[in-house]
């Protein structure tokens, strides 16, 4: 009778530990205001690794976030060259964000569909000009920017190489290696 109880308690303890770790990495916040923050460079060349400067805390209104350690150029059939993250997922920019912003304008429900692309430390690049890479503060982390535009992943892209978010609402576009929006439609 004692052995099954020990096994159950051990399993419950492990499950609790995993949940705490997962919840500890959550970025959900309570505030929904906006604040201005400065851009901090985070880019490195593929052959060098430079730690980024800390970003000032901003507020996203929360939502989901995607973290990456690399930005690379991929050619998507019928779409040309676009920037992807380390998992090969297409990255997008939002026309409501202005070039060289002090903050992202996608927060709350928007950030649940269009996940901000975050970097914890340094980011490597392959085919992306590192001088175009930067960041804006968001919930005490750094949201990556390319050519001054905050980067996002689309929740509707479920596999590497997909571009289901292209031209959504005529405001969301895959980002090109120069930071411009892709105007191609597949």
Protein backbone atom coordinates (compact mmCIF):
# COMPACT_ATOMS: atom_id res chain seq x y z
CA UNK A 1 0.00 0.00 0.00
CA UNK A 2 2.86 2.40 0.74
CA UNK A 3 4.71 1.72 -2.53
CA UNK A 4 1.81 2.82 -4.83
CA UNK A 5 1.40 5.95 -2.69
CA UNK A 6 5.12 6.80 -3.06
CA UNK A 7 4.95 6.28 -6.82
CA UNK A 8 1.86 8.51 -7.09
CA UNK A 9 3.42 11.24 -4.95
CA UNK A 10 6.65 11.07 -6.96
CA UNK A 11 4.74 11.34 -10.24
CA UNK A 12 2.69 14.26 -8.90
CA UNK A 13 5.88 15.98 -7.74
CA UNK A 14 7.53 15.57 -11.15
CA UNK A 15 4.44 16.85 -12.95
CA UNK A 16 4.33 19.86 -10.63
CA UNK A 17 7.99 20.59 -11.25
CA UNK A 18 7.49 20.49 -15.03
CA UNK A 19 4.47 22.79 -14.77
CA UNK A 20 6.40 25.26 -12.62
CA UNK A 21 9.26 25.34 -15.11
CA UNK A 22 6.83 25.89 -17.99
CA UNK A 23 4.92 28.58 -16.09
CA UNK A 24 8.14 30.23 -15.04
CA UNK A 25 8.99 30.91 -18.69
CA UNK A 26 5.58 32.45 -19.38
CA UNK A 27 5.55 36.07 -20.46
CA UNK A 28 1.94 36.85 -19.67
CA UNK A 29 1.75 40.22 -17.97
CA UNK A 30 -0.98 42.06 -16.15
CA UNK A 31 -0.63 45.53 -17.65
CA UNK A 32 -1.86 46.55 -21.06
CA UNK A 33 -0.48 50.06 -21.50
CA UNK A 34 2.23 51.04 -23.89
CA UNK A 35 5.55 52.65 -23.27
CA UNK A 36 8.38 53.88 -25.41
CA UNK A 37 11.67 52.04 -25.33
CA UNK A 38 14.91 52.41 -27.25
CA UNK A 39 16.26 49.95 -29.74
CA UNK A 40 19.19 47.78 -28.75
CA UNK A 41 21.29 45.91 -31.33
CA UNK A 42 21.32 42.15 -30.96
CA UNK A 43 22.80 40.88 -34.18
CA UNK A 44 25.88 38.83 -34.76
CA UNK A 45 27.38 37.39 -37.87
CA UNK A 46 27.08 33.67 -38.28
CA UNK A 47 30.78 33.30 -37.54
CA UNK A 48 30.89 35.51 -34.44
CA UNK A 49 28.88 35.69 -31.27
CA UNK A 50 28.32 39.03 -29.58
CA UNK A 51 26.06 39.37 -26.57
CA UNK A 52 23.38 41.97 -27.00
CA UNK A 53 22.83 44.97 -24.81
CA UNK A 54 19.93 44.78 -22.37
CA UNK A 55 16.65 46.20 -23.60
CA UNK A 56 14.50 48.49 -21.52
CA UNK A 57 11.28 46.90 -20.36
CA UNK A 58 8.26 47.55 -22.53
CA UNK A 59 4.75 46.20 -22.41
CA UNK A 60 3.22 43.98 -25.03
CA UNK A 61 -0.20 43.47 -23.56
CA UNK A 62 1.15 39.90 -23.46
CA UNK A 63 0.23 37.06 -25.74
CA UNK A 64 2.44 34.27 -27.02
CA UNK A 65 6.08 34.81 -27.90
CA UNK A 66 8.53 32.94 -30.10
CA UNK A 67 12.22 32.88 -29.19
CA UNK A 68 15.01 32.43 -31.74
CA UNK A 69 18.80 32.32 -31.83
CA UNK A 70 19.20 32.75 -35.60
CA UNK A 71 17.73 34.61 -38.54
CA UNK A 72 18.37 33.13 -41.96
CA UNK A 73 17.30 33.59 -45.55
CA UNK A 74 15.22 30.88 -47.19
CA UNK A 75 13.74 30.71 -50.65
CA UNK A 76 10.06 29.81 -50.50
CA UNK A 77 8.63 28.31 -53.70
CA UNK A 78 6.80 31.01 -55.61
CA UNK A 79 7.61 33.67 -53.03
CA UNK A 80 11.30 34.42 -53.36
CA UNK A 81 13.71 35.05 -50.47
CA UNK A 82 12.27 35.62 -47.01
CA UNK A 83 13.68 35.62 -43.50
CA UNK A 84 13.01 32.68 -41.20
CA UNK A 85 13.86 31.83 -37.62
CA UNK A 86 16.05 28.97 -36.41
CA UNK A 87 13.14 26.53 -36.96
CA UNK A 88 12.62 27.62 -40.59
CA UNK A 89 9.37 29.45 -39.75
CA UNK A 90 8.63 32.51 -41.90
CA UNK A 91 8.92 35.86 -40.14
CA UNK A 92 6.57 38.76 -40.80
CA UNK A 93 6.32 42.51 -40.33
CA UNK A 94 3.19 44.54 -39.59
CA UNK A 95 2.33 47.69 -41.56
CA UNK A 96 0.93 49.31 -38.40
CA UNK A 97 4.44 49.27 -36.92
CA UNK A 98 6.44 52.16 -38.29
CA UNK A 99 10.02 51.69 -39.46
CA UNK A 100 12.46 52.39 -36.60
CA UNK A 101 9.77 52.15 -33.93
CA UNK A 102 10.24 52.57 -30.25
CA UNK A 103 7.71 49.80 -29.64
CA UNK A 104 5.58 47.16 -31.31
CA UNK A 105 1.93 48.01 -31.95
CA UNK A 106 0.76 44.37 -31.93
CA UNK A 107 -0.31 43.43 -28.40
CA UNK A 108 -3.12 41.61 -26.59
CA UNK A 109 -5.18 39.45 -28.97
CA UNK A 110 -2.95 40.48 -31.88
CA UNK A 111 0.12 39.00 -30.16
CA UNK A 112 -1.70 35.69 -29.69
CA UNK A 113 -2.03 35.28 -33.47
CA UNK A 114 1.15 37.12 -34.45
CA UNK A 115 3.79 35.99 -31.96
CA UNK A 116 6.57 38.52 -31.33
CA UNK A 117 10.00 37.07 -32.16
CA UNK A 118 12.18 37.43 -29.09
CA UNK A 119 15.90 36.99 -28.43
CA UNK A 120 17.36 36.25 -25.02
CA UNK A 121 21.02 36.91 -25.79
CA UNK A 122 22.82 37.00 -29.10
CA UNK A 123 21.35 36.22 -32.49
CA UNK A 124 23.29 34.84 -35.40
CA UNK A 125 22.48 35.62 -39.01
CA UNK A 126 22.85 33.72 -42.28
CA UNK A 127 22.19 35.81 -45.38
CA UNK A 128 20.74 38.67 -43.33
CA UNK A 129 22.80 41.86 -43.01
CA UNK A 130 23.62 42.08 -39.31
CA UNK A 131 23.64 45.90 -39.38
CA UNK A 132 19.88 45.78 -40.12
CA UNK A 133 19.14 43.72 -37.00
CA UNK A 134 18.08 45.39 -33.76
CA UNK A 135 15.47 45.10 -31.03
CA UNK A 136 12.79 46.90 -29.07
CA UNK A 137 11.97 46.23 -25.44
CA UNK A 138 8.94 44.07 -24.72
CA UNK A 139 8.01 42.70 -21.27
CA UNK A 140 11.61 42.95 -20.08
CA UNK A 141 12.86 41.03 -23.12
CA UNK A 142 14.02 41.99 -26.60
CA UNK A 143 11.76 41.72 -29.65
CA UNK A 144 13.89 41.46 -32.77
CA UNK A 145 13.64 44.06 -35.50
CA UNK A 146 14.92 43.93 -39.07
CA UNK A 147 15.40 47.20 -40.90
CA UNK A 148 13.64 48.84 -37.95
CA UNK A 149 10.52 46.65 -38.20
CA UNK A 150 9.52 44.35 -35.29
CA UNK A 151 9.39 40.68 -36.33
CA UNK A 152 6.55 38.21 -35.76
CA UNK A 153 5.65 34.57 -36.43
CA UNK A 154 2.15 33.71 -37.62
CA UNK A 155 0.24 31.13 -35.62
CA UNK A 156 -1.31 29.81 -38.86
CA UNK A 157 2.11 28.67 -40.12
CA UNK A 158 2.41 25.15 -38.74
CA UNK A 159 5.45 23.94 -40.68
CA UNK A 160 8.72 25.38 -41.89
CA UNK A 161 8.46 27.17 -45.23
CA UNK A 162 4.77 28.04 -44.96
CA UNK A 163 3.62 31.62 -45.59
CA UNK A 164 -0.05 31.47 -44.61
CA UNK A 165 0.19 34.95 -43.09
CA UNK A 166 1.32 36.64 -46.32
CA UNK A 167 -0.83 39.73 -47.05
CA UNK A 168 -3.27 38.93 -44.20
CA UNK A 169 -5.62 41.88 -43.74
CA UNK A 170 -3.37 43.67 -46.26
CA UNK A 171 -1.18 44.57 -43.24
CA UNK A 172 1.04 41.51 -42.61
CA UNK A 173 3.88 40.56 -44.94
CA UNK A 174 6.79 38.15 -44.92
CA UNK A 175 9.97 40.11 -44.36
CA UNK A 176 12.76 40.10 -46.95
CA UNK A 177 16.48 39.99 -46.06
CA UNK A 178 16.62 43.79 -46.48
CA UNK A 179 13.78 44.31 -43.96
CA UNK A 180 11.25 45.20 -46.65
CA UNK A 181 7.91 43.46 -47.03
CA UNK A 182 7.50 40.71 -49.57
CA UNK A 183 4.87 41.74 -52.08
CA UNK A 184 4.74 38.35 -53.80
CA UNK A 185 1.65 36.21 -53.43
CA UNK A 186 1.88 32.49 -54.10
